[in-house]
Amino acid sequence: MQDPIFLVNWTEMFASPENMIRYGGLTLILAVMFVETGLLIGLVVPGGDSLLLTTGLFAGAGILPVSLPLLLISMSAASIIGDATGFYIGRRMGRKLYHKKDTWYFKHSHLEKAEKFYRQKGKTAIIMGKFVPVIRTFNPLLSGVTGMEFHRFILLSAAGSTLWICSLVLASYYVGQKFPNLKDYLHIVIPVIIFISVAPGIVQYLKERRKEQ
C-alpha cells in the first residue's frame, strides 16, 4: 500500500503553479510547458502565464536555483517542442478533429474560439496566440489540420514562444530580484499573478458577449 503522505504530496504538487515549482523544480516546469500545447490535455494542466510569472519571480528571489539563460532557453525549447508535437497530432487527425466528441479535456467551443482567432489573424495568430489561453493550446493543432508547411510553422512557433516566455519571465525575474522579500508574501503575490494572467481572457470574453447581444 502506498504511503498516504505520498499521495497527498502529488495532489498538492498540481494544486498551483507555486507548488509545482516548489516540488518539481525546472523538470516539472518544462514538462508542463510541453504538455500545454503538445497534448490535447493541455487545457486542464495548470500552467500558462501564471506559471511563467511565478517561475521568473521564484528564480529572481533565489527560491528556484536556476540561471536565467538556462531558464529562458530550456522553457522556450520545451514550448517549441510542444508546439511541434501538437502540429503533428493535428496533421495526423486532420478534419477528424472536428468530429471528436466533447470530453473532460476537449471542448468544441474551445476549438471554435481558436479557429475564429486563427482565421482573423492569419499566420500571426501563432505568435499572438501564445499570449491567449485556449488559443495557445489549439493553434498548433489547427496549423497541422490546415496543412501549413512545417518549416513555416516552427519558425513562427519559435518567435512566439521566445517572445512570450522572455517577456513574462524576465519581467517577474527582475521583480523577484528587486524585491526578494516578496517570497515572504507568496500567499498574496501568487493569487495576484494568477488574476493578472487570466484578466485578458476575461476582458476578451466580455467583449465577445457584448458583440453577441
Protein backbone atom coordinates (compact mmCIF):
# COMPACT_ATOMS: atom_id res chain seq x y z
CA MET A 1 0.00 0.00 0.00
CA GLN A 2 1.25 3.46 -0.90
CA ASP A 3 2.09 5.95 1.78
CA PRO A 4 -0.88 8.39 2.12
CA ILE A 5 1.60 11.24 2.52
CA PHE A 6 2.99 10.44 -0.92
CA LEU A 7 -0.49 10.71 -2.41
CA VAL A 8 -1.18 13.99 -0.65
CA ASN A 9 2.08 15.45 -1.95
CA TRP A 10 1.15 14.56 -5.53
CA THR A 11 -2.20 16.24 -5.05
CA GLU A 12 -0.59 19.33 -3.59
CA MET A 13 2.04 19.43 -6.34
CA PHE A 14 -0.52 20.18 -9.05
CA ALA A 15 -2.70 22.43 -6.92
CA SER A 16 -1.00 25.64 -8.07
CA PRO A 17 1.97 26.93 -10.11
CA GLU A 18 3.69 27.76 -6.81
CA ASN A 19 3.51 24.16 -5.58
CA MET A 20 4.56 22.77 -8.96
CA ILE A 21 7.74 24.83 -8.88
CA ARG A 22 8.48 24.01 -5.24
CA TYR A 23 8.02 20.26 -5.68
CA GLY A 24 9.12 19.63 -9.24
CA GLY A 25 11.62 22.38 -10.00
CA LEU A 26 12.75 23.00 -13.56
CA THR A 27 11.93 19.45 -14.70
CA LEU A 28 8.24 19.79 -13.93
CA ILE A 29 8.12 23.32 -15.35
CA LEU A 30 9.45 22.05 -18.68
CA ALA A 31 7.05 19.11 -18.66
CA VAL A 32 4.08 21.46 -18.18
CA MET A 33 5.37 23.77 -20.92
CA PHE A 34 5.45 20.80 -23.29
CA VAL A 35 2.08 19.33 -22.32
CA GLU A 36 0.19 22.63 -22.66
CA THR A 37 0.49 22.57 -26.46
CA GLY A 38 1.90 19.10 -27.13
CA LEU A 39 -1.06 17.04 -25.89
CA LEU A 40 -4.81 17.51 -26.00
CA ILE A 41 -4.95 17.55 -22.21
CA GLY A 42 -3.10 20.87 -22.17
CA LEU A 43 -6.23 22.81 -21.21
CA VAL A 44 -6.56 21.01 -17.88
CA VAL A 45 -2.91 21.40 -16.84
CA PRO A 46 -2.29 24.40 -14.54
CA GLY A 47 0.35 26.44 -16.33
CA GLY A 48 0.33 29.23 -18.87
CA ASP A 49 1.07 32.84 -17.97
CA SER A 50 0.80 32.27 -14.22
CA LEU A 51 3.45 29.53 -14.39
CA LEU A 52 5.84 31.81 -16.31
CA LEU A 53 5.35 34.73 -13.95
CA THR A 54 5.74 32.56 -10.86
CA THR A 55 8.82 30.84 -12.30
CA GLY A 56 10.52 34.16 -13.02
CA LEU A 57 9.63 35.51 -9.58
CA PHE A 58 10.98 32.41 -7.83
CA ALA A 59 14.19 32.44 -9.88
CA GLY A 60 14.76 36.13 -9.20
CA ALA A 61 14.17 35.68 -5.47
CA GLY A 62 16.53 32.71 -5.31
CA ILE A 63 13.82 30.14 -4.49
CA LEU A 64 14.40 28.37 -7.82
CA PRO A 65 18.20 27.91 -8.16
CA VAL A 66 18.43 28.03 -11.97
CA SER A 67 20.39 30.56 -14.03
CA LEU A 68 18.32 32.97 -16.11
CA PRO A 69 19.84 31.96 -19.51
CA LEU A 70 19.21 28.26 -18.82
CA LEU A 71 15.67 29.06 -17.71
CA LEU A 72 14.79 31.05 -20.83
CA ILE A 73 16.43 28.65 -23.29
CA SER A 74 15.02 25.46 -21.78
CA MET A 75 11.49 26.85 -21.38
CA SER A 76 11.47 28.18 -24.95
CA ALA A 77 12.70 24.81 -26.24
CA ALA A 78 10.01 22.93 -24.30
CA SER A 79 7.32 25.22 -25.70
CA ILE A 80 8.57 24.82 -29.29
CA ILE A 81 8.78 21.02 -28.95
CA GLY A 82 5.26 21.02 -27.52
CA ASP A 83 4.04 23.07 -30.49
CA ALA A 84 5.71 20.67 -32.93
CA THR A 85 4.01 17.71 -31.24
CA GLY A 86 0.63 19.46 -31.33
CA PHE A 87 1.18 20.25 -35.01
CA TYR A 88 1.94 16.58 -35.72
CA ILE A 89 -1.22 15.47 -33.87
CA GLY A 90 -3.27 17.95 -35.91
CA ARG A 91 -1.70 16.74 -39.15
CA ARG A 92 -2.47 13.11 -38.27
CA MET A 93 -6.04 13.77 -37.12
CA GLY A 94 -6.94 16.10 -39.97
CA ARG A 95 -10.63 17.00 -40.22
CA LYS A 96 -11.46 14.19 -37.78
CA LEU A 97 -10.60 16.70 -35.06
CA TYR A 98 -13.91 18.45 -35.79
CA HIS A 99 -15.88 15.23 -35.28
CA LYS A 100 -14.27 14.41 -31.95
CA LYS A 101 -16.79 14.27 -29.12
CA ASP A 102 -16.57 16.63 -26.16
CA THR A 103 -14.64 15.17 -23.24
CA TRP A 104 -13.32 16.42 -19.89
CA TYR A 105 -10.22 17.72 -21.70
CA PHE A 106 -11.58 18.64 -25.16
CA LYS A 107 -14.42 21.06 -25.92
CA HIS A 108 -15.67 22.06 -29.37
CA SER A 109 -16.38 25.55 -28.05
CA HIS A 110 -12.64 25.95 -27.40
CA LEU A 111 -11.81 24.67 -30.87
CA GLU A 112 -14.27 27.11 -32.45
CA LYS A 113 -12.85 30.03 -30.47
CA ALA A 114 -9.31 29.16 -31.59
CA GLU A 115 -10.38 28.68 -35.21
CA LYS A 116 -12.04 32.11 -35.25
CA PHE A 117 -8.88 33.71 -33.87
CA TYR A 118 -6.80 31.76 -36.41
CA ARG A 119 -8.93 32.97 -39.34
CA GLN A 120 -8.86 36.60 -38.19
CA LYS A 121 -5.14 36.85 -37.50
CA GLY A 122 -3.74 34.54 -40.17
CA LYS A 123 -0.17 33.37 -39.71
CA THR A 124 0.44 35.94 -36.95
CA ALA A 125 -2.09 34.00 -34.83
CA ILE A 126 0.69 31.54 -33.97
CA ILE A 127 2.76 34.36 -32.45
CA MET A 128 -0.03 36.42 -30.91
CA GLY A 129 -1.91 33.33 -29.75
CA LYS A 130 0.88 32.47 -27.33
CA PHE A 131 -0.43 35.24 -25.09
CA VAL A 132 -4.03 33.96 -25.13
CA PRO A 133 -5.17 30.93 -23.09
CA VAL A 134 -7.04 28.23 -25.10
CA ILE A 135 -5.75 29.76 -28.36
CA ARG A 136 -2.24 28.82 -27.27
CA THR A 137 -3.24 25.16 -26.92
CA PHE A 138 -5.24 24.80 -30.13
CA ASN A 139 -3.10 26.83 -32.56
CA PRO A 140 -0.59 24.02 -33.24
CA LEU A 141 -3.45 21.57 -33.86
CA LEU A 142 -5.17 23.94 -36.29
CA SER A 143 -1.90 24.65 -38.10
CA GLY A 144 -1.45 20.91 -38.65
CA VAL A 145 -5.06 20.40 -39.73
CA THR A 146 -4.97 23.24 -42.27
CA GLY A 147 -1.82 21.90 -43.92
CA MET A 148 0.59 24.72 -43.10
CA GLU A 149 4.17 23.95 -44.08
CA PHE A 150 6.02 22.65 -41.02
CA HIS A 151 9.11 24.82 -41.51
CA ARG A 152 6.98 27.98 -41.58
CA PHE A 153 5.02 26.88 -38.55
CA ILE A 154 8.10 26.07 -36.48
CA LEU A 155 9.68 29.45 -37.26
CA LEU A 156 6.53 31.26 -36.14
CA SER A 157 6.32 28.99 -33.09
CA ALA A 158 9.92 29.79 -32.16
CA ALA A 159 9.27 33.53 -32.47
CA GLY A 160 6.05 33.38 -30.46
CA SER A 161 7.41 31.08 -27.76
CA THR A 162 10.56 33.15 -27.26
CA LEU A 163 8.65 36.44 -27.11
CA TRP A 164 6.01 35.08 -24.73
CA ILE A 165 8.41 33.37 -22.35
CA CYS A 166 11.11 36.04 -22.30
CA SER A 167 8.68 38.92 -21.75
CA LEU A 168 6.87 37.33 -18.80
CA VAL A 169 9.78 35.51 -17.16
CA LEU A 170 12.17 38.46 -17.44
CA ALA A 171 9.61 40.90 -16.03
CA SER A 172 8.87 38.76 -12.99
CA TYR A 173 12.53 37.73 -12.58
CA TYR A 174 13.65 41.33 -12.11
CA VAL A 175 10.74 41.98 -9.75
CA GLY A 176 11.94 38.99 -7.70
CA GLN A 177 15.48 40.38 -7.68
CA LYS A 178 14.38 43.90 -6.81
CA PHE A 179 12.04 42.78 -4.04
CA PRO A 180 13.42 39.48 -2.64
CA ASN A 181 11.22 39.86 0.44
CA LEU A 182 8.22 39.08 -1.77
CA LYS A 183 8.90 35.41 -1.07
CA ASP A 184 7.53 36.04 2.43
CA TYR A 185 4.21 37.19 0.95
CA LEU A 186 3.62 34.49 -1.67
CA HIS A 187 0.16 33.80 -0.27
CA ILE A 188 -0.75 37.27 -1.59
CA VAL A 189 1.55 37.53 -4.61
CA ILE A 190 0.57 34.25 -6.30
CA PRO A 191 -3.21 34.98 -6.39
CA VAL A 192 -2.42 38.42 -7.81
CA ILE A 193 -0.24 36.84 -10.51
CA ILE A 194 -2.97 34.37 -11.41
CA PHE A 195 -5.53 37.19 -11.64
CA ILE A 196 -3.24 39.23 -13.90
CA SER A 197 -2.70 36.21 -16.16
CA VAL A 198 -6.41 35.44 -16.59
CA ALA A 199 -7.63 39.05 -16.78
CA PRO A 200 -7.03 39.44 -20.56
CA GLY A 201 -9.08 36.32 -21.23
CA ILE A 202 -11.92 37.65 -19.08
CA VAL A 203 -11.85 41.01 -20.90
CA GLN A 204 -11.91 39.28 -24.29
CA TYR A 205 -14.82 37.09 -23.20
CA LEU A 206 -16.82 40.13 -22.07
CA LYS A 207 -16.14 41.90 -25.37
CA GLU A 208 -17.42 38.90 -27.33
CA ARG A 209 -20.53 38.71 -25.15
CA ARG A 210 -21.29 42.38 -25.87
CA LYS A 211 -20.94 41.78 -29.62
CA GLU A 212 -23.41 38.88 -29.44
CA GLN A 213 -26.03 40.95 -27.60
